[in-house]
């Protein structure tokens, strides 16, 4: 299972990617899936087992997420 984090802006996505990669996490930038509506066209996808750690890192670094979706 994978999780997809949606952010308010591309700037937030880039900050989030930098934080996660700085912790050695496997991160993919993907287009926001069609079934998910977002003002920002880019999302972060990562393994579901890293979801809570990623949320914690975002909170620590002042990065606000719009939503996190869990997908197969």
Protein backbone atom coordinates (compact mmCIF):
# COMPACT_ATOMS: atom_id res chain seq x y z
CA UNK A 1 0.00 0.00 0.00
CA UNK A 2 1.12 3.54 -0.76
CA UNK A 3 0.10 6.89 0.65
CA UNK A 4 -0.27 10.09 -1.31
CA UNK A 5 0.15 13.43 0.40
CA UNK A 6 -1.62 16.43 -1.12
CA UNK A 7 -0.34 19.94 -0.37
CA UNK A 8 -1.59 23.49 -0.89
CA UNK A 9 1.17 24.49 -3.29
CA UNK A 10 4.12 23.24 -5.29
CA UNK A 11 6.34 25.17 -2.86
CA UNK A 12 5.03 23.03 0.03
CA UNK A 13 5.58 19.86 -2.02
CA UNK A 14 9.21 20.83 -2.67
CA UNK A 15 9.80 21.61 1.02
CA UNK A 16 8.22 18.30 2.03
CA UNK A 17 10.30 16.36 -0.49
CA UNK A 18 13.49 17.97 0.82
CA UNK A 19 12.63 17.11 4.44
CA UNK A 20 11.75 13.49 3.64
CA UNK A 21 14.78 12.89 1.43
CA UNK A 22 16.94 14.46 4.13
CA UNK A 23 15.79 11.61 6.39
CA UNK A 24 16.63 9.04 3.71
CA UNK A 25 13.03 8.21 2.79
CA UNK A 26 12.10 6.86 -0.64
CA UNK A 27 9.90 9.63 -2.05
CA UNK A 28 8.24 9.98 -5.46
CA UNK A 29 6.76 13.17 -6.87
CA UNK A 30 3.69 12.29 -8.91
CA UNK A 31 0.88 14.13 -10.68
CA UNK A 32 -2.18 14.30 -8.43
CA UNK A 33 -4.38 11.32 -9.43
CA UNK A 34 -7.55 12.28 -11.33
CA UNK A 35 -9.85 10.89 -8.64
CA UNK A 36 -8.28 13.34 -6.17
CA UNK A 37 -9.05 17.02 -6.61
CA UNK A 38 -6.33 19.52 -5.73
CA UNK A 39 -5.26 23.05 -6.58
CA UNK A 40 -1.68 21.83 -6.66
CA UNK A 41 -0.93 19.43 -9.54
CA UNK A 42 1.90 17.59 -7.78
CA UNK A 43 1.74 15.14 -4.86
CA UNK A 44 4.17 13.06 -2.83
CA UNK A 45 3.85 9.30 -2.85
CA UNK A 46 5.62 7.05 -0.38
CA UNK A 47 5.21 3.62 1.20
CA UNK A 48 2.33 3.52 3.68
CA UNK A 49 4.61 2.33 6.50
CA UNK A 50 6.31 5.75 6.41
CA UNK A 51 3.03 7.71 6.63
CA UNK A 52 3.08 8.54 10.34
CA UNK A 53 6.78 9.38 10.36
CA UNK A 54 6.24 11.69 7.37
CA UNK A 55 3.29 13.41 9.10
CA UNK A 56 5.44 13.98 12.16
CA UNK A 57 8.26 15.46 10.06
CA UNK A 58 5.82 17.76 8.26
CA UNK A 59 4.46 18.97 11.59
CA UNK A 60 7.97 19.56 12.97
CA UNK A 61 8.90 21.58 9.89
CA UNK A 62 5.72 23.65 9.59
CA UNK A 63 4.59 21.96 6.37
CA UNK A 64 0.81 21.73 6.15
CA UNK A 65 -0.80 18.93 4.22
CA UNK A 66 -4.25 19.14 2.69
CA UNK A 67 -4.90 15.40 2.93
CA UNK A 68 -3.27 12.00 2.91
CA UNK A 69 -4.81 9.24 0.78
CA UNK A 70 -4.02 5.56 1.19
CA UNK A 71 -4.04 3.64 -2.10
CA UNK A 72 -3.20 0.15 -3.30
